[in-house]
């Protein structure tokens, strides 16, 4: 009888220990698991008169698959993986199509050959830096994101196709090279999750980048020079200007 009772107690303790062990493993996995955000948002076209130019755009693999991984600093924190690549491509496609009369995606040797005579220049965007702050040990879900972009422009004839089909450009052949910054912050703390707050901050940062790009593009000195050479007055405009100067 005593032996049977001891067996029951031991069996109960072992079961209890197994439950605690499983719970402990679950808690550890939860604490160590990465918080993943695939940025998504709504990006309307800019309200502006498009420039009378057709530009090509090259999205490098690094840009189109851009993500940032932030390793947790302690057990109480989580790793963060923020994927912005798809949203970057969607956003810049929308913005550029609103800024220019024509936009052509140059992604390989075939598209390069197909547009040799229809593109005024090629623009290549890159994410130079991305930083963010998260609220620790607080219920206020206000996140901030800083982004730094670097843009380069090159004449289409200076984009070359390699034997493997990849595209290459001599660094000395870019005629414009400039940077801009963007900032995004969640406008409210009343969101469902930390992931939603990070996503919203990223979307706000993208929209801020677009506004900065649209308003500063023609003021970049090398771009202004290029546009002066590319955009010639229409015949009617030239005649009117000549008539005005004769008066």
Protein backbone atom coordinates (compact mmCIF):
# COMPACT_ATOMS: atom_id res chain seq x y z
CA UNK A 1 0.00 0.00 0.00
CA UNK A 2 2.78 2.40 0.96
CA UNK A 3 4.75 1.43 -2.15
CA UNK A 4 1.69 2.06 -4.36
CA UNK A 5 1.17 5.47 -2.76
CA UNK A 6 4.84 6.34 -3.35
CA UNK A 7 4.50 5.29 -7.00
CA UNK A 8 1.47 7.55 -7.46
CA UNK A 9 3.22 10.49 -5.82
CA UNK A 10 6.37 9.94 -7.92
CA UNK A 11 4.31 9.58 -11.11
CA UNK A 12 2.45 12.77 -10.27
CA UNK A 13 5.67 14.66 -9.62
CA UNK A 14 7.20 13.44 -12.88
CA UNK A 15 4.10 14.54 -14.81
CA UNK A 16 4.17 17.92 -13.08
CA UNK A 17 7.86 18.33 -13.91
CA UNK A 18 7.20 17.42 -17.54
CA UNK A 19 4.45 20.05 -17.75
CA UNK A 20 6.70 22.68 -16.18
CA UNK A 21 9.51 21.70 -18.52
CA UNK A 22 7.30 22.00 -21.60
CA UNK A 23 5.99 25.35 -20.38
CA UNK A 24 9.52 26.57 -19.80
CA UNK A 25 10.59 25.58 -23.29
CA UNK A 26 7.52 27.34 -24.72
CA UNK A 27 8.35 30.53 -22.85
CA UNK A 28 11.97 30.43 -24.01
CA UNK A 29 10.92 29.95 -27.64
CA UNK A 30 8.43 32.80 -27.35
CA UNK A 31 11.04 35.12 -25.91
CA UNK A 32 13.67 34.16 -28.50
CA UNK A 33 11.42 34.12 -31.57
CA UNK A 34 11.83 36.97 -34.04
CA UNK A 35 9.03 39.51 -34.45
CA UNK A 36 8.57 39.68 -38.22
CA UNK A 37 7.02 42.54 -40.16
CA UNK A 38 6.45 42.46 -43.94
CA UNK A 39 5.73 46.11 -44.67
CA UNK A 40 2.47 46.75 -46.53
CA UNK A 41 0.61 49.97 -47.24
CA UNK A 42 -1.45 52.09 -49.59
CA UNK A 43 0.61 54.39 -51.81
CA UNK A 44 -1.34 56.88 -53.97
CA UNK A 45 0.22 58.62 -56.97
CA UNK A 46 1.59 62.12 -56.35
CA UNK A 47 -0.66 65.00 -57.40
CA UNK A 48 1.63 66.74 -59.88
CA UNK A 49 2.10 67.32 -63.59
CA UNK A 50 4.44 64.59 -64.85
CA UNK A 51 7.77 65.65 -66.31
CA UNK A 52 7.96 65.06 -70.11
CA UNK A 53 10.59 62.35 -69.75
CA UNK A 54 10.79 58.57 -69.86
CA UNK A 55 13.06 57.08 -67.25
CA UNK A 56 14.24 53.55 -66.77
CA UNK A 57 14.53 52.17 -63.25
CA UNK A 58 16.79 49.40 -62.00
CA UNK A 59 15.89 47.72 -58.72
CA UNK A 60 18.88 45.74 -57.51
CA UNK A 61 18.29 42.47 -55.66
CA UNK A 62 19.50 44.16 -52.48
CA UNK A 63 16.86 46.86 -52.89
CA UNK A 64 13.99 44.61 -53.98
CA UNK A 65 14.67 42.19 -51.11
CA UNK A 66 15.66 44.78 -48.53
CA UNK A 67 15.21 43.81 -44.90
CA UNK A 68 16.67 44.71 -41.55
CA UNK A 69 17.36 42.26 -38.74
CA UNK A 70 17.86 43.55 -35.22
CA UNK A 71 19.06 41.03 -32.67
CA UNK A 72 17.60 41.24 -29.19
CA UNK A 73 19.87 42.82 -26.60
CA UNK A 74 18.51 40.72 -23.74
CA UNK A 75 16.19 37.89 -22.76
CA UNK A 76 13.29 40.24 -22.13
CA UNK A 77 13.46 41.51 -25.72
CA UNK A 78 12.76 39.95 -29.09
CA UNK A 79 14.65 39.83 -32.35
CA UNK A 80 13.07 41.96 -35.05
CA UNK A 81 12.96 41.21 -38.79
CA UNK A 82 11.48 44.04 -40.87
CA UNK A 83 11.10 43.29 -44.60
CA UNK A 84 10.63 46.41 -46.72
CA UNK A 85 11.65 45.13 -50.17
CA UNK A 86 8.23 44.51 -51.73
CA UNK A 87 6.84 47.75 -50.30
CA UNK A 88 9.89 49.66 -51.59
CA UNK A 89 9.35 48.46 -55.15
CA UNK A 90 5.59 49.07 -55.04
CA UNK A 91 6.02 52.53 -53.59
CA UNK A 92 8.73 53.77 -55.97
CA UNK A 93 6.92 52.34 -58.99
CA UNK A 94 3.84 54.33 -57.99
CA UNK A 95 5.78 57.52 -57.29
CA UNK A 96 7.90 57.46 -60.46
CA UNK A 97 4.88 56.71 -62.65
CA UNK A 98 3.27 59.82 -61.22
CA UNK A 99 6.36 62.00 -61.71
CA UNK A 100 7.31 61.06 -65.29
CA UNK A 101 5.39 60.54 -68.50
CA UNK A 102 6.99 57.14 -68.91
CA UNK A 103 8.66 54.62 -66.60
CA UNK A 104 10.35 51.46 -67.83
CA UNK A 105 11.64 48.64 -65.64
CA UNK A 106 15.14 47.58 -66.70
CA UNK A 107 15.75 44.20 -65.10
CA UNK A 108 17.82 42.17 -67.59
CA UNK A 109 19.53 42.19 -70.99
CA UNK A 110 16.23 41.69 -72.84
CA UNK A 111 14.50 44.72 -71.32
CA UNK A 112 17.71 46.72 -71.81
CA UNK A 113 17.77 45.93 -75.52
CA UNK A 114 14.02 46.51 -75.92
CA UNK A 115 14.20 50.11 -74.67
CA UNK A 116 17.46 51.35 -76.17
CA UNK A 117 15.71 54.17 -78.03
CA UNK A 118 12.88 55.02 -75.63
CA UNK A 119 14.56 55.90 -72.33
CA UNK A 120 16.06 59.30 -71.50
CA UNK A 121 18.01 58.06 -68.46
CA UNK A 122 18.06 55.31 -65.85
CA UNK A 123 17.60 55.80 -62.12
CA UNK A 124 18.88 53.33 -59.52
CA UNK A 125 17.58 53.68 -55.94
CA UNK A 126 19.27 52.14 -52.91
CA UNK A 127 18.58 52.07 -49.17
CA UNK A 128 21.78 53.44 -47.64
CA UNK A 129 20.62 53.17 -44.03
CA UNK A 130 17.56 52.31 -41.95
CA UNK A 131 17.24 52.76 -38.21
CA UNK A 132 14.31 52.50 -35.84
CA UNK A 133 13.44 52.89 -32.20
CA UNK A 134 11.00 50.72 -30.29
CA UNK A 135 9.41 51.33 -26.90
CA UNK A 136 10.68 48.84 -24.32
CA UNK A 137 8.71 47.83 -21.23
CA UNK A 138 5.84 50.18 -22.01
CA UNK A 139 2.36 49.90 -23.50
CA UNK A 140 2.80 52.97 -25.69
CA UNK A 141 3.30 51.58 -29.18
CA UNK A 142 4.88 54.60 -30.86
CA UNK A 143 7.70 53.57 -33.16
CA UNK A 144 10.06 55.74 -35.21
CA UNK A 145 11.93 54.88 -38.40
CA UNK A 146 14.70 56.84 -40.14
CA UNK A 147 15.66 55.99 -43.70
CA UNK A 148 18.46 57.24 -45.92
CA UNK A 149 18.32 56.70 -49.67
CA UNK A 150 21.01 57.05 -52.30
CA UNK A 151 19.99 57.63 -55.91
CA UNK A 152 22.12 57.41 -59.02
CA UNK A 153 21.28 58.27 -62.62
CA UNK A 154 23.04 57.13 -65.75
CA UNK A 155 22.49 57.32 -69.50
CA UNK A 156 21.01 54.12 -70.88
CA UNK A 157 23.97 53.54 -73.22
CA UNK A 158 26.19 53.23 -70.14
CA UNK A 159 24.20 50.29 -68.79
CA UNK A 160 25.86 47.10 -70.03
CA UNK A 161 24.71 43.51 -70.19
CA UNK A 162 27.13 40.84 -68.98
CA UNK A 163 27.48 37.35 -70.42
CA UNK A 164 25.40 35.93 -67.58
CA UNK A 165 22.59 38.38 -68.33
CA UNK A 166 23.20 40.62 -65.33
CA UNK A 167 23.49 44.38 -65.76
CA UNK A 168 26.57 46.41 -64.88
CA UNK A 169 27.51 50.09 -64.83
CA UNK A 170 30.92 51.70 -64.60
CA UNK A 171 30.91 53.83 -61.42
CA UNK A 172 32.52 56.71 -63.34
CA UNK A 173 29.59 56.92 -65.76
CA UNK A 174 26.85 58.10 -63.39
CA UNK A 175 25.96 61.70 -64.15
CA UNK A 176 24.01 62.25 -60.90
CA UNK A 177 24.48 60.85 -57.41
CA UNK A 178 22.57 62.20 -54.40
CA UNK A 179 20.98 61.22 -51.10
CA UNK A 180 17.83 62.07 -49.18
CA UNK A 181 16.42 61.16 -45.81
CA UNK A 182 12.96 60.20 -44.60
CA UNK A 183 11.29 59.85 -41.23
CA UNK A 184 8.26 57.90 -40.11
CA UNK A 185 6.47 57.71 -36.79
CA UNK A 186 3.31 55.92 -35.74
CA UNK A 187 0.70 58.69 -35.38
CA UNK A 188 -1.16 56.88 -32.60
CA UNK A 189 -0.39 54.56 -29.71
CA UNK A 190 -3.77 52.80 -29.98
CA UNK A 191 -2.80 50.00 -32.34
CA UNK A 192 -3.45 46.29 -32.07
CA UNK A 193 0.17 45.12 -31.99
CA UNK A 194 3.81 46.12 -32.06
CA UNK A 195 4.05 44.73 -35.58
CA UNK A 196 1.26 47.03 -36.79
CA UNK A 197 3.03 50.00 -35.22
CA UNK A 198 6.31 49.17 -36.97
CA UNK A 199 4.49 48.68 -40.28
CA UNK A 200 2.73 52.02 -40.02
CA UNK A 201 5.94 53.85 -39.14
CA UNK A 202 7.60 52.31 -42.21
CA UNK A 203 4.72 53.36 -44.48
CA UNK A 204 4.88 56.93 -43.14
CA UNK A 205 8.65 56.94 -43.76
CA UNK A 206 8.15 55.81 -47.37
CA UNK A 207 5.59 58.54 -48.00
CA UNK A 208 7.96 61.09 -46.50
CA UNK A 209 10.73 59.84 -48.79
CA UNK A 210 8.43 60.25 -51.77
CA UNK A 211 7.48 63.80 -50.83
CA UNK A 212 11.15 64.72 -50.39
CA UNK A 213 12.09 63.10 -53.70
CA UNK A 214 9.31 64.77 -55.68
CA UNK A 215 10.01 68.25 -54.32
CA UNK A 216 13.82 68.10 -54.50
CA UNK A 217 14.42 66.14 -57.70
CA UNK A 218 14.66 69.09 -60.10
CA UNK A 219 16.78 71.05 -57.59
CA UNK A 220 19.63 68.53 -57.59
CA UNK A 221 22.31 70.46 -59.57
CA UNK A 222 23.30 67.58 -61.88
CA UNK A 223 19.62 66.74 -62.50
CA UNK A 224 18.83 70.37 -63.32
CA UNK A 225 21.65 70.42 -65.86
CA UNK A 226 20.51 67.16 -67.40
CA UNK A 227 16.90 68.32 -67.66
CA UNK A 228 17.96 71.55 -69.36
CA UNK A 229 19.65 69.43 -72.02
CA UNK A 230 16.85 66.88 -72.33
CA UNK A 231 13.73 69.05 -72.19
CA UNK A 232 13.82 71.39 -75.17
CA UNK A 233 11.17 74.10 -75.74
CA UNK A 234 8.31 73.09 -78.03
CA UNK A 235 8.32 74.79 -81.45
CA UNK A 236 5.32 76.97 -80.52
CA UNK A 237 7.01 78.00 -77.28
CA UNK A 238 10.22 78.88 -79.10
CA UNK A 239 8.26 81.03 -81.59
CA UNK A 240 6.40 82.84 -78.81
CA UNK A 241 9.63 83.50 -76.94
CA UNK A 242 11.26 84.84 -80.08
CA UNK A 243 8.29 87.09 -80.75
CA UNK A 244 8.36 88.43 -77.22
CA UNK A 245 12.06 89.20 -77.46
CA UNK A 246 11.55 91.02 -80.80
CA UNK A 247 8.98 93.31 -79.18
